[in-house]
């Protein structure tokens, strides 16, 4: 039923009931009829009141009968409000979870874009700093906390200066690019404070492109110990007659140096190459030319004592195995 028709119907119904009530009241008044021992006049007033109540009740009943929203509002409003409140309590955490999920998605998108740029840069060779690359290697020892803090600060400043020179070569003013976690620095301080000699190696966390504003790094701390001693034979290889040609000779020497580097790395050295005494190759060739081309052992022998962060310099020695 439409709204206007419903209103007209209520008006007609109200008029009809009120007319009937008035007629009934008049007749009861004339007949001097009494209800509940009331006087006829008061009985007529009571009938009129009941008629008005009947009009209101019938109007309300019809409205409830034809209007579903009114029925719900009158009889289920409390339940609906309670459910609405419960829904809000459920929706608030869900909304927070949705925001967290959206933030994670945005973070993953940013990470993916960065990865995509890194792949492109890797293919084109545009990285100026590689992941895990050392930015500075420095020896440190002290038993005073303030002195340790001061030395570490200087090491970080020098590492930042080196990083800035590579990442922003056109900027003359050095700005702070290097970012290290505070707890990593505190762990270093506590380790050094225990005593002994140490080496700090600050490394890049990820690949870095030219012009980036931040370079994330982490420090490694290693005991500063002697890796090789002067005159120590680090590695050796067999040299046979078929290795005497130029190509095989070079391959053999390179293999010996690579094996020596692997050995000192295994012992804890932080250097990335073995240095060969400048005239060692020439001396070896001269020796081979002057002597019979018989089988022998070629040894890499350390020229100096070398600690964890110090370069390792070797010379090549020929040794004839006992027959």
C-alpha atoms as a PDB file:
ATOM      1  CA  UNK A   1       0.000   0.000   0.000  1.00  0.00           C
ATOM      2  CA  UNK A   2       1.343   3.445  -0.964  1.00  0.00           C
ATOM      3  CA  UNK A   3       1.907   6.127   1.666  1.00  0.00           C
ATOM      4  CA  UNK A   4      -0.929   8.457   0.599  1.00  0.00           C
ATOM      5  CA  UNK A   5      -3.510   5.679   0.371  1.00  0.00           C
ATOM      6  CA  UNK A   6      -2.475   4.456   3.793  1.00  0.00           C
ATOM      7  CA  UNK A   7      -2.892   7.937   5.315  1.00  0.00           C
ATOM      8  CA  UNK A   8      -6.345   8.373   3.692  1.00  0.00           C
ATOM      9  CA  UNK A   9      -7.379   4.950   4.956  1.00  0.00           C
ATOM     10  CA  UNK A  10      -6.313   5.829   8.505  1.00  0.00           C
ATOM     11  CA  UNK A  11      -8.226   9.104   8.389  1.00  0.00           C
ATOM     12  CA  UNK A  12     -11.390   7.391   7.184  1.00  0.00           C
ATOM     13  CA  UNK A  13     -11.020   4.620   9.743  1.00  0.00           C
ATOM     14  CA  UNK A  14     -10.460   7.142  12.530  1.00  0.00           C
ATOM     15  CA  UNK A  15     -13.479   9.161  11.443  1.00  0.00           C
ATOM     16  CA  UNK A  16     -15.666   6.079  11.273  1.00  0.00           C
ATOM     17  CA  UNK A  17     -14.633   4.799  14.696  1.00  0.00           C
ATOM     18  CA  UNK A  18     -14.998   8.219  16.299  1.00  0.00           C
ATOM     19  CA  UNK A  19     -18.494   8.616  14.783  1.00  0.00           C
ATOM     20  CA  UNK A  20     -19.513   5.208  16.055  1.00  0.00           C
ATOM     21  CA  UNK A  21     -18.060   6.018  19.436  1.00  0.00           C
ATOM     22  CA  UNK A  22     -19.932   9.318  19.572  1.00  0.00           C
ATOM     23  CA  UNK A  23     -23.217   7.657  18.637  1.00  0.00           C
ATOM     24  CA  UNK A  24     -22.621   4.905  21.139  1.00  0.00           C
ATOM     25  CA  UNK A  25     -21.830   7.452  23.840  1.00  0.00           C
ATOM     26  CA  UNK A  26     -24.983   9.448  23.073  1.00  0.00           C
ATOM     27  CA  UNK A  27     -27.192   6.393  23.192  1.00  0.00           C
ATOM     28  CA  UNK A  28     -25.637   5.214  26.424  1.00  0.00           C
ATOM     29  CA  UNK A  29     -26.123   8.701  27.870  1.00  0.00           C
ATOM     30  CA  UNK A  30     -29.780   8.843  26.835  1.00  0.00           C
ATOM     31  CA  UNK A  31     -30.412   5.344  28.039  1.00  0.00           C
ATOM     32  CA  UNK A  32     -28.739   6.286  31.305  1.00  0.00           C
ATOM     33  CA  UNK A  33     -26.655   3.097  31.036  1.00  0.00           C
ATOM     34  CA  UNK A  34     -24.068   2.568  33.770  1.00  0.00           C
ATOM     35  CA  UNK A  35     -20.786   0.635  33.706  1.00  0.00           C
ATOM     36  CA  UNK A  36     -18.838  -0.312  36.822  1.00  0.00           C
ATOM     37  CA  UNK A  37     -21.402   1.559  38.906  1.00  0.00           C
ATOM     38  CA  UNK A  38     -20.475   4.852  37.218  1.00  0.00           C
ATOM     39  CA  UNK A  39     -22.960   7.589  36.588  1.00  0.00           C
ATOM     40  CA  UNK A  40     -24.416   7.633  33.054  1.00  0.00           C
ATOM     41  CA  UNK A  41     -22.554  10.807  32.184  1.00  0.00           C
ATOM     42  CA  UNK A  42     -19.203   9.359  33.298  1.00  0.00           C
ATOM     43  CA  UNK A  43     -20.012   6.124  31.541  1.00  0.00           C
ATOM     44  CA  UNK A  44     -20.476   8.124  28.310  1.00  0.00           C
ATOM     45  CA  UNK A  45     -17.046   9.802  28.886  1.00  0.00           C
ATOM     46  CA  UNK A  46     -15.472   6.369  29.481  1.00  0.00           C
ATOM     47  CA  UNK A  47     -16.962   5.101  26.208  1.00  0.00           C
ATOM     48  CA  UNK A  48     -15.516   8.125  24.402  1.00  0.00           C
ATOM     49  CA  UNK A  49     -12.040   7.478  25.917  1.00  0.00           C
ATOM     50  CA  UNK A  50     -12.200   3.825  24.941  1.00  0.00           C
ATOM     51  CA  UNK A  51     -13.221   4.836  21.437  1.00  0.00           C
ATOM     52  CA  UNK A  52     -10.181   7.154  21.155  1.00  0.00           C
ATOM     53  CA  UNK A  53      -7.925   4.393  22.411  1.00  0.00           C
ATOM     54  CA  UNK A  54      -9.489   2.047  19.880  1.00  0.00           C
ATOM     55  CA  UNK A  55      -8.740   4.531  17.111  1.00  0.00           C
ATOM     56  CA  UNK A  56      -5.076   4.744  18.200  1.00  0.00           C
ATOM     57  CA  UNK A  57      -4.784   0.986  18.653  1.00  0.00           C
ATOM     58  CA  UNK A  58      -6.359   0.185  15.292  1.00  0.00           C
ATOM     59  CA  UNK A  59      -4.205   2.774  13.556  1.00  0.00           C
ATOM     60  CA  UNK A  60      -1.047   1.381  15.148  1.00  0.00           C
ATOM     61  CA  UNK A  61      -2.095  -2.205  14.366  1.00  0.00           C
ATOM     62  CA  UNK A  62      -2.676  -1.391  10.715  1.00  0.00           C
ATOM     63  CA  UNK A  63       0.635   0.470  10.478  1.00  0.00           C
ATOM     64  CA  UNK A  64       2.448  -2.513  11.985  1.00  0.00           C
ATOM     65  CA  UNK A  65       0.561  -4.901   9.716  1.00  0.00           C
ATOM     66  CA  UNK A  66       1.404  -3.146   6.447  1.00  0.00           C
ATOM     67  CA  UNK A  67       4.810  -1.611   7.330  1.00  0.00           C
ATOM     68  CA  UNK A  68       7.659  -4.110   7.869  1.00  0.00           C
ATOM     69  CA  UNK A  69      10.215  -1.441   8.882  1.00  0.00           C
ATOM     70  CA  UNK A  70       7.890  -0.223  11.652  1.00  0.00           C
ATOM     71  CA  UNK A  71       7.484  -3.802  12.947  1.00  0.00           C
ATOM     72  CA  UNK A  72      11.235  -4.240  13.027  1.00  0.00           C
ATOM     73  CA  UNK A  73      11.714  -0.857  14.694  1.00  0.00           C
ATOM     74  CA  UNK A  74       9.208  -1.540  17.458  1.00  0.00           C
ATOM     75  CA  UNK A  75       9.972  -5.156  18.340  1.00  0.00           C
ATOM     76  CA  UNK A  76      13.568  -5.809  17.188  1.00  0.00           C
ATOM     77  CA  UNK A  77      15.254  -2.458  17.623  1.00  0.00           C
ATOM     78  CA  UNK A  78      17.163  -3.562  20.744  1.00  0.00           C
ATOM     79  CA  UNK A  79      18.436  -6.729  19.099  1.00  0.00           C
ATOM     80  CA  UNK A  80      19.451  -4.817  15.979  1.00  0.00           C
ATOM     81  CA  UNK A  81      21.353  -2.233  18.021  1.00  0.00           C
ATOM     82  CA  UNK A  82      23.142  -5.017  19.895  1.00  0.00           C
ATOM     83  CA  UNK A  83      24.072  -6.798  16.650  1.00  0.00           C
ATOM     84  CA  UNK A  84      25.203  -3.502  15.149  1.00  0.00           C
ATOM     85  CA  UNK A  85      27.488  -2.895  18.115  1.00  0.00           C
ATOM     86  CA  UNK A  86      28.891  -6.431  17.847  1.00  0.00           C
ATOM     87  CA  UNK A  87      29.433  -5.920  14.126  1.00  0.00           C
ATOM     88  CA  UNK A  88      31.362  -2.718  14.825  1.00  0.00           C
ATOM     89  CA  UNK A  89      33.537  -4.561  17.328  1.00  0.00           C
ATOM     90  CA  UNK A  90      34.283  -7.191  14.681  1.00  0.00           C
ATOM     91  CA  UNK A  91      34.748  -4.682  11.878  1.00  0.00           C
ATOM     92  CA  UNK A  92      37.270  -2.524  13.740  1.00  0.00           C
ATOM     93  CA  UNK A  93      39.878  -5.339  13.984  1.00  0.00           C
ATOM     94  CA  UNK A  94      39.065  -6.356  10.417  1.00  0.00           C
ATOM     95  CA  UNK A  95      39.632  -2.790   9.285  1.00  0.00           C
ATOM     96  CA  UNK A  96      42.980  -2.744  11.067  1.00  0.00           C
ATOM     97  CA  UNK A  97      43.927  -6.066   9.463  1.00  0.00           C
ATOM     98  CA  UNK A  98      42.897  -4.686   6.089  1.00  0.00           C
ATOM     99  CA  UNK A  99      45.137  -1.647   6.611  1.00  0.00           C
ATOM    100  CA  UNK A 100      48.035  -3.906   7.650  1.00  0.00           C
ATOM    101  CA  UNK A 101      47.489  -6.065   4.572  1.00  0.00           C
ATOM    102  CA  UNK A 102      47.395  -3.000   2.327  1.00  0.00           C
ATOM    103  CA  UNK A 103      50.629  -1.727   3.889  1.00  0.00           C
ATOM    104  CA  UNK A 104      52.270  -5.130   3.348  1.00  0.00           C
ATOM    105  CA  UNK A 105      51.136  -5.129  -0.276  1.00  0.00           C
ATOM    106  CA  UNK A 106      52.536  -1.624  -0.784  1.00  0.00           C
ATOM    107  CA  UNK A 107      55.812  -2.670   0.848  1.00  0.00           C
ATOM    108  CA  UNK A 108      56.017  -5.747  -1.407  1.00  0.00           C
ATOM    109  CA  UNK A 109      55.296  -3.602  -4.462  1.00  0.00           C
ATOM    110  CA  UNK A 110      58.086  -1.213  -3.459  1.00  0.00           C
ATOM    111  CA  UNK A 111      60.407  -4.173  -2.833  1.00  0.00           C
ATOM    112  CA  UNK A 112      59.495  -5.673  -6.200  1.00  0.00           C
ATOM    113  CA  UNK A 113      60.170  -2.383  -7.989  1.00  0.00           C
ATOM    114  CA  UNK A 114      63.510  -2.115  -6.222  1.00  0.00           C
ATOM    115  CA  UNK A 115      64.326  -5.696  -7.206  1.00  0.00           C
ATOM    116  CA  UNK A 116      63.344  -4.944 -10.779  1.00  0.00           C
ATOM    117  CA  UNK A 117      65.637  -1.914 -10.829  1.00  0.00           C
ATOM    118  CA  UNK A 118      68.413  -4.005  -9.298  1.00  0.00           C
ATOM    119  CA  UNK A 119      68.039  -6.684 -11.972  1.00  0.00           C
ATOM    120  CA  UNK A 120      68.195  -4.062 -14.721  1.00  0.00           C
ATOM    121  CA  UNK A 121      71.194  -2.460 -13.057  1.00  0.00           C
ATOM    122  CA  UNK A 122      72.875  -5.834 -12.593  1.00  0.00           C
ATOM    123  CA  UNK A 123      72.475  -6.658 -16.267  1.00  0.00           C
ATOM    124  CA  UNK A 124      73.822  -3.272 -17.321  1.00  0.00           C
ATOM    125  CA  UNK A 125      76.619  -3.326 -14.734  1.00  0.00           C
ATOM    126  CA  UNK A 126      75.518  -0.092 -13.038  1.00  0.00           C
ATOM    127  CA  UNK A 127      76.012  -1.188  -9.421  1.00  0.00           C
ATOM    128  CA  UNK A 128      78.756   0.783  -7.709  1.00  0.00           C
ATOM    129  CA  UNK A 129      78.603  -1.266  -4.479  1.00  0.00           C
ATOM    130  CA  UNK A 130      77.730  -4.948  -4.311  1.00  0.00           C
ATOM    131  CA  UNK A 131      75.872  -6.761  -1.560  1.00  0.00           C
ATOM    132  CA  UNK A 132      78.407  -7.956   1.023  1.00  0.00           C
ATOM    133  CA  UNK A 133      81.137  -5.655  -0.272  1.00  0.00           C
ATOM    134  CA  UNK A 134      83.548  -4.338   2.359  1.00  0.00           C
ATOM    135  CA  UNK A 135      83.389  -0.571   2.821  1.00  0.00           C
ATOM    136  CA  UNK A 136      86.210  -0.437   5.360  1.00  0.00           C
ATOM    137  CA  UNK A 137      88.403  -2.900   7.251  1.00  0.00           C
ATOM    138  CA  UNK A 138      90.119  -1.554  10.336  1.00  0.00           C
ATOM    139  CA  UNK A 139      92.041  -2.942  13.314  1.00  0.00           C
ATOM    140  CA  UNK A 140      90.955  -1.916  16.803  1.00  0.00           C
ATOM    141  CA  UNK A 141      91.891  -2.693  20.397  1.00  0.00           C
ATOM    142  CA  UNK A 142      91.132  -0.953  23.685  1.00  0.00           C
ATOM    143  CA  UNK A 143      89.855  -1.609  27.185  1.00  0.00           C
ATOM    144  CA  UNK A 144      88.253   1.807  27.686  1.00  0.00           C
ATOM    145  CA  UNK A 145      84.607   2.197  26.622  1.00  0.00           C
ATOM    146  CA  UNK A 146      84.848   5.880  25.687  1.00  0.00           C
ATOM    147  CA  UNK A 147      87.997   5.223  23.666  1.00  0.00           C
ATOM    148  CA  UNK A 148      86.268   2.317  21.902  1.00  0.00           C
ATOM    149  CA  UNK A 149      83.263   4.511  21.060  1.00  0.00           C
ATOM    150  CA  UNK A 150      85.549   7.211  19.679  1.00  0.00           C
ATOM    151  CA  UNK A 151      87.504   4.737  17.519  1.00  0.00           C
ATOM    152  CA  UNK A 152      84.346   3.092  16.163  1.00  0.00           C
ATOM    153  CA  UNK A 153      82.902   6.515  15.335  1.00  0.00           C
ATOM    154  CA  UNK A 154      86.039   7.398  13.344  1.00  0.00           C
ATOM    155  CA  UNK A 155      85.867   4.067  11.503  1.00  0.00           C
ATOM    156  CA  UNK A 156      82.230   4.703  10.557  1.00  0.00           C
ATOM    157  CA  UNK A 157      83.060   8.258   9.417  1.00  0.00           C
ATOM    158  CA  UNK A 158      85.842   6.942   7.174  1.00  0.00           C
ATOM    159  CA  UNK A 159      83.543   4.221   5.819  1.00  0.00           C
ATOM    160  CA  UNK A 160      80.907   6.851   5.071  1.00  0.00           C
ATOM    161  CA  UNK A 161      83.474   9.051   3.325  1.00  0.00           C
ATOM    162  CA  UNK A 162      84.550   6.128   1.140  1.00  0.00           C
ATOM    163  CA  UNK A 163      80.895   5.218   0.417  1.00  0.00           C
ATOM    164  CA  UNK A 164      80.011   8.825  -0.466  1.00  0.00           C
ATOM    165  CA  UNK A 165      82.926   9.025  -2.881  1.00  0.00           C
ATOM    166  CA  UNK A 166      81.622   5.973  -4.757  1.00  0.00           C
ATOM    167  CA  UNK A 167      77.862   6.569  -4.606  1.00  0.00           C
ATOM    168  CA  UNK A 168      77.809  10.368  -5.077  1.00  0.00           C
ATOM    169  CA  UNK A 169      81.079  11.151  -6.837  1.00  0.00           C
ATOM    170  CA  UNK A 170      79.832  14.529  -8.141  1.00  0.00           C
ATOM    171  CA  UNK A 171      78.831  15.850  -4.702  1.00  0.00           C
ATOM    172  CA  UNK A 172      81.734  17.609  -3.010  1.00  0.00           C
ATOM    173  CA  UNK A 173      79.918  18.008   0.322  1.00  0.00           C
ATOM    174  CA  UNK A 174      80.011  14.717   2.212  1.00  0.00           C
ATOM    175  CA  UNK A 175      76.628  13.768   3.689  1.00  0.00           C
ATOM    176  CA  UNK A 176      75.735  10.831   5.910  1.00  0.00           C
ATOM    177  CA  UNK A 177      74.788   7.932   3.600  1.00  0.00           C
ATOM    178  CA  UNK A 178      75.812   4.999   5.759  1.00  0.00           C
ATOM    179  CA  UNK A 179      73.176   3.506   8.058  1.00  0.00           C
ATOM    180  CA  UNK A 180      74.051   0.952  10.754  1.00  0.00           C
ATOM    181  CA  UNK A 181      71.779  -0.444  13.445  1.00  0.00           C
ATOM    182  CA  UNK A 182      72.443   0.896  16.925  1.00  0.00           C
ATOM    183  CA  UNK A 183      72.354  -2.554  18.554  1.00  0.00           C
ATOM    184  CA  UNK A 184      75.029  -3.817  16.126  1.00  0.00           C
ATOM    185  CA  UNK A 185      77.345  -0.987  17.198  1.00  0.00           C
ATOM    186  CA  UNK A 186      76.662  -1.683  20.883  1.00  0.00           C
ATOM    187  CA  UNK A 187      77.443  -5.385  20.384  1.00  0.00           C
ATOM    188  CA  UNK A 188      80.786  -4.412  18.806  1.00  0.00           C
ATOM    189  CA  UNK A 189      81.623  -2.147  21.739  1.00  0.00           C
ATOM    190  CA  UNK A 190      80.864  -4.894  24.254  1.00  0.00           C
ATOM    191  CA  UNK A 191      82.985  -7.432  22.356  1.00  0.00           C
ATOM    192  CA  UNK A 192      85.998  -5.121  22.109  1.00  0.00           C
ATOM    193  CA  UNK A 193      85.631  -4.133  25.770  1.00  0.00           C
ATOM    194  CA  UNK A 194      86.352  -7.750  26.768  1.00  0.00           C
ATOM    195  CA  UNK A 195      89.930  -7.231  25.602  1.00  0.00           C
ATOM    196  CA  UNK A 196      92.152  -8.502  22.812  1.00  0.00           C
ATOM    197  CA  UNK A 197      92.823  -7.355  19.268  1.00  0.00           C
ATOM    198  CA  UNK A 198      89.957  -7.140  16.779  1.00  0.00           C
ATOM    199  CA  UNK A 199      89.193  -6.265  13.184  1.00  0.00           C
ATOM    200  CA  UNK A 200      86.023  -4.393  12.171  1.00  0.00           C
ATOM    201  CA  UNK A 201      84.736  -5.097   8.676  1.00  0.00           C
ATOM    202  CA  UNK A 202      81.787  -2.892   7.628  1.00  0.00           C
ATOM    203  CA  UNK A 203      79.875  -4.421   4.701  1.00  0.00           C
ATOM    204  CA  UNK A 204      77.043  -3.265   2.465  1.00  0.00           C
ATOM    205  CA  UNK A 205      73.727  -5.025   3.080  1.00  0.00           C
ATOM    206  CA  UNK A 206      72.563  -4.819  -0.543  1.00  0.00           C
ATOM    207  CA  UNK A 207      73.529  -3.706  -4.029  1.00  0.00           C
ATOM    208  CA  UNK A 208      73.772   0.083  -4.391  1.00  0.00           C
ATOM    209  CA  UNK A 209      73.263   2.268  -7.453  1.00  0.00           C
ATOM    210  CA  UNK A 210      74.903   5.602  -8.188  1.00  0.00           C
ATOM    211  CA  UNK A 211      73.089   8.505  -6.573  1.00  0.00           C
ATOM    212  CA  UNK A 212      71.202   6.570  -3.864  1.00  0.00           C
ATOM    213  CA  UNK A 213      70.547   8.479  -0.642  1.00  0.00           C
ATOM    214  CA  UNK A 214      71.090   5.645   1.824  1.00  0.00           C
ATOM    215  CA  UNK A 215      73.464   2.696   2.061  1.00  0.00           C
ATOM    216  CA  UNK A 216      72.500   0.092   4.661  1.00  0.00           C
ATOM    217  CA  UNK A 217      75.485  -1.641   6.220  1.00  0.00           C
ATOM    218  CA  UNK A 218      76.327  -4.124   8.961  1.00  0.00           C
ATOM    219  CA  UNK A 219      79.585  -4.596  10.888  1.00  0.00           C
ATOM    220  CA  UNK A 220      81.454  -7.844  11.333  1.00  0.00           C
ATOM    221  CA  UNK A 221      83.980  -8.131  14.140  1.00  0.00           C
ATOM    222  CA  UNK A 222      86.747 -10.736  13.927  1.00  0.00           C
ATOM    223  CA  UNK A 223      89.644 -11.596  16.174  1.00  0.00           C
ATOM    224  CA  UNK A 224      92.845 -10.060  14.852  1.00  0.00           C
ATOM    225  CA  UNK A 225      95.231 -13.009  14.796  1.00  0.00           C
ATOM    226  CA  UNK A 226      98.248 -14.150  12.806  1.00  0.00           C
ATOM    227  CA  UNK A 227      97.070 -15.980   9.682  1.00  0.00           C
ATOM    228  CA  UNK A 228     100.462 -16.883   8.180  1.00  0.00           C
ATOM    229  CA  UNK A 229     104.006 -16.542   9.490  1.00  0.00           C
ATOM    230  CA  UNK A 230     107.147 -15.490   7.691  1.00  0.00           C
ATOM    231  CA  UNK A 231     108.648 -18.391   5.705  1.00  0.00           C
ATOM    232  CA  UNK A 232     105.498 -20.539   6.053  1.00  0.00           C
ATOM    233  CA  UNK A 233     104.605 -22.759   3.091  1.00  0.00           C
ATOM    234  CA  UNK A 234     100.913 -22.015   2.446  1.00  0.00           C
ATOM    235  CA  UNK A 235     100.185 -24.392  -0.452  1.00  0.00           C
ATOM    236  CA  UNK A 236     102.068 -26.343  -3.072  1.00  0.00           C
ATOM    237  CA  UNK A 237     101.362 -28.042  -6.410  1.00  0.00           C
ATOM    238  CA  UNK A 238     103.143 -30.579  -8.565  1.00  0.00           C
ATOM    239  CA  UNK A 239     104.880 -29.205 -11.641  1.00  0.00           C
ATOM    240  CA  UNK A 240     105.514 -31.722 -14.436  1.00  0.00           C
ATOM    241  CA  UNK A 241     107.347 -31.592 -17.752  1.00  0.00           C
ATOM    242  CA  UNK A 242     104.107 -31.152 -19.742  1.00  0.00           C
ATOM    243  CA  UNK A 243     103.346 -27.965 -17.743  1.00  0.00           C
ATOM    244  CA  UNK A 244     106.438 -26.156 -18.973  1.00  0.00           C
ATOM    245  CA  UNK A 245     104.788 -24.495 -21.987  1.00  0.00           C
ATOM    246  CA  UNK A 246     103.685 -20.870 -21.620  1.00  0.00           C
ATOM    247  CA  UNK A 247      99.931 -21.470 -21.242  1.00  0.00           C
ATOM    248  CA  UNK A 248     100.157 -24.325 -18.743  1.00  0.00           C
ATOM    249  CA  UNK A 249     102.833 -22.483 -16.797  1.00  0.00           C
ATOM    250  CA  UNK A 250     100.512 -19.481 -16.241  1.00  0.00           C
ATOM    251  CA  UNK A 251      97.554 -21.704 -15.350  1.00  0.00           C
ATOM    252  CA  UNK A 252      99.639 -23.574 -12.789  1.00  0.00           C
ATOM    253  CA  UNK A 253     100.809 -20.377 -11.084  1.00  0.00           C
ATOM    254  CA  UNK A 254      97.255 -18.962 -11.007  1.00  0.00           C
ATOM    255  CA  UNK A 255      95.965 -22.214  -9.526  1.00  0.00           C
ATOM    256  CA  UNK A 256      98.638 -22.091  -6.825  1.00  0.00           C
ATOM    257  CA  UNK A 257      97.700 -18.500  -5.884  1.00  0.00           C
ATOM    258  CA  UNK A 258      93.970 -19.323  -5.881  1.00  0.00           C
ATOM    259  CA  UNK A 259      94.596 -22.309  -3.602  1.00  0.00           C
ATOM    260  CA  UNK A 260      96.667 -20.111  -1.282  1.00  0.00           C
ATOM    261  CA  UNK A 261      93.885 -17.508  -1.134  1.00  0.00           C
ATOM    262  CA  UNK A 262      91.318 -20.178  -0.294  1.00  0.00           C
ATOM    263  CA  UNK A 263      93.571 -21.467   2.492  1.00  0.00           C
ATOM    264  CA  UNK A 264      94.123 -18.087   4.164  1.00  0.00           C
ATOM    265  CA  UNK A 265      90.386 -17.338   3.849  1.00  0.00           C
ATOM    266  CA  UNK A 266      89.706 -20.605   5.632  1.00  0.00           C
ATOM    267  CA  UNK A 267      92.001 -19.454   8.436  1.00  0.00           C
ATOM    268  CA  UNK A 268      90.076 -16.160   8.795  1.00  0.00           C
ATOM    269  CA  UNK A 269      91.918 -13.685   6.579  1.00  0.00           C
ATOM    270  CA  UNK A 270      89.828 -10.793   5.199  1.00  0.00           C
ATOM    271  CA  UNK A 271      92.007 -10.052   2.167  1.00  0.00           C
ATOM    272  CA  UNK A 272      90.648 -10.777  -1.298  1.00  0.00           C
ATOM    273  CA  UNK A 273      93.902 -11.514  -3.109  1.00  0.00           C
ATOM    274  CA  UNK A 274      97.322 -13.014  -2.635  1.00  0.00           C
ATOM    275  CA  UNK A 275     100.129 -10.640  -3.607  1.00  0.00           C
ATOM    276  CA  UNK A 276     103.090 -12.137  -5.427  1.00  0.00           C
ATOM    277  CA  UNK A 277     106.583 -10.727  -5.019  1.00  0.00           C
ATOM    278  CA  UNK A 278     107.201  -8.761  -8.186  1.00  0.00           C
ATOM    279  CA  UNK A 279     110.165 -10.679  -9.605  1.00  0.00           C
ATOM    280  CA  UNK A 280     108.985 -14.167  -8.570  1.00  0.00           C
ATOM    281  CA  UNK A 281     107.651 -15.110 -12.022  1.00  0.00           C
ATOM    282  CA  UNK A 282     110.828 -13.953 -13.767  1.00  0.00           C
ATOM    283  CA  UNK A 283     113.027 -15.830 -11.309  1.00  0.00           C
ATOM    284  CA  UNK A 284     110.984 -18.987 -11.824  1.00  0.00           C
ATOM    285  CA  UNK A 285     111.243 -18.764 -15.606  1.00  0.00           C
ATOM    286  CA  UNK A 286     114.984 -18.147 -15.414  1.00  0.00           C
ATOM    287  CA  UNK A 287     115.325 -21.146 -13.123  1.00  0.00           C
ATOM    288  CA  UNK A 288     113.398 -23.390 -15.496  1.00  0.00           C
ATOM    289  CA  UNK A 289     115.459 -22.246 -18.467  1.00  0.00           C
ATOM    290  CA  UNK A 290     118.748 -22.973 -16.690  1.00  0.00           C
ATOM    291  CA  UNK A 291     117.790 -26.351 -15.256  1.00  0.00           C
ATOM    292  CA  UNK A 292     116.598 -29.638 -16.618  1.00  0.00           C
ATOM    293  CA  UNK A 293     112.853 -29.838 -17.114  1.00  0.00           C
ATOM    294  CA  UNK A 294     112.238 -32.417 -14.453  1.00  0.00           C
ATOM    295  CA  UNK A 295     109.270 -32.819 -12.153  1.00  0.00           C
ATOM    296  CA  UNK A 296     109.217 -30.650  -8.997  1.00  0.00           C
ATOM    297  CA  UNK A 297     106.913 -28.995  -6.455  1.00  0.00           C
ATOM    298  CA  UNK A 298     106.035 -25.307  -6.678  1.00  0.00           C
ATOM    299  CA  UNK A 299     105.366 -23.703  -3.288  1.00  0.00           C
ATOM    300  CA  UNK A 300     103.766 -20.426  -2.201  1.00  0.00           C
ATOM    301  CA  UNK A 301     105.826 -19.191   0.749  1.00  0.00           C
ATOM    302  CA  UNK A 302     104.861 -16.223   2.946  1.00  0.00           C
ATOM    303  CA  UNK A 303     107.379 -13.385   3.086  1.00  0.00           C
ATOM    304  CA  UNK A 304     106.012 -11.772   6.278  1.00  0.00           C
ATOM    305  CA  UNK A 305     103.835 -12.394   9.291  1.00  0.00           C
ATOM    306  CA  UNK A 306     100.296 -11.429   8.251  1.00  0.00           C
ATOM    307  CA  UNK A 307      97.320 -10.849  10.539  1.00  0.00           C
ATOM    308  CA  UNK A 308      93.589 -11.033   9.802  1.00  0.00           C
ATOM    309  CA  UNK A 309      93.291  -7.774   7.849  1.00  0.00           C
ATOM    310  CA  UNK A 310      96.870  -7.506   6.579  1.00  0.00           C
ATOM    311  CA  UNK A 311      97.914  -8.358   3.004  1.00  0.00           C
ATOM    312  CA  UNK A 312      99.578 -11.698   2.374  1.00  0.00           C
ATOM    313  CA  UNK A 313     102.669 -11.541   0.154  1.00  0.00           C
ATOM    314  CA  UNK A 314     104.263 -14.723  -1.151  1.00  0.00           C
ATOM    315  CA  UNK A 315     107.152 -15.838  -3.290  1.00  0.00           C
ATOM    316  CA  UNK A 316     107.417 -18.950  -5.444  1.00  0.00           C
ATOM    317  CA  UNK A 317     109.841 -21.637  -4.353  1.00  0.00           C
ATOM    318  CA  UNK A 318     110.922 -24.743  -6.237  1.00  0.00           C
ATOM    319  CA  UNK A 319     111.261 -27.901  -4.214  1.00  0.00           C
ATOM    320  CA  UNK A 320     112.461 -31.233  -5.541  1.00  0.00           C
ATOM    321  CA  UNK A 321     110.761 -34.073  -3.739  1.00  0.00           C
ATOM    322  CA  UNK A 322     112.977 -36.739  -2.318  1.00  0.00           C
ATOM    323  CA  UNK A 323     113.116 -39.796  -4.555  1.00  0.00           C
END
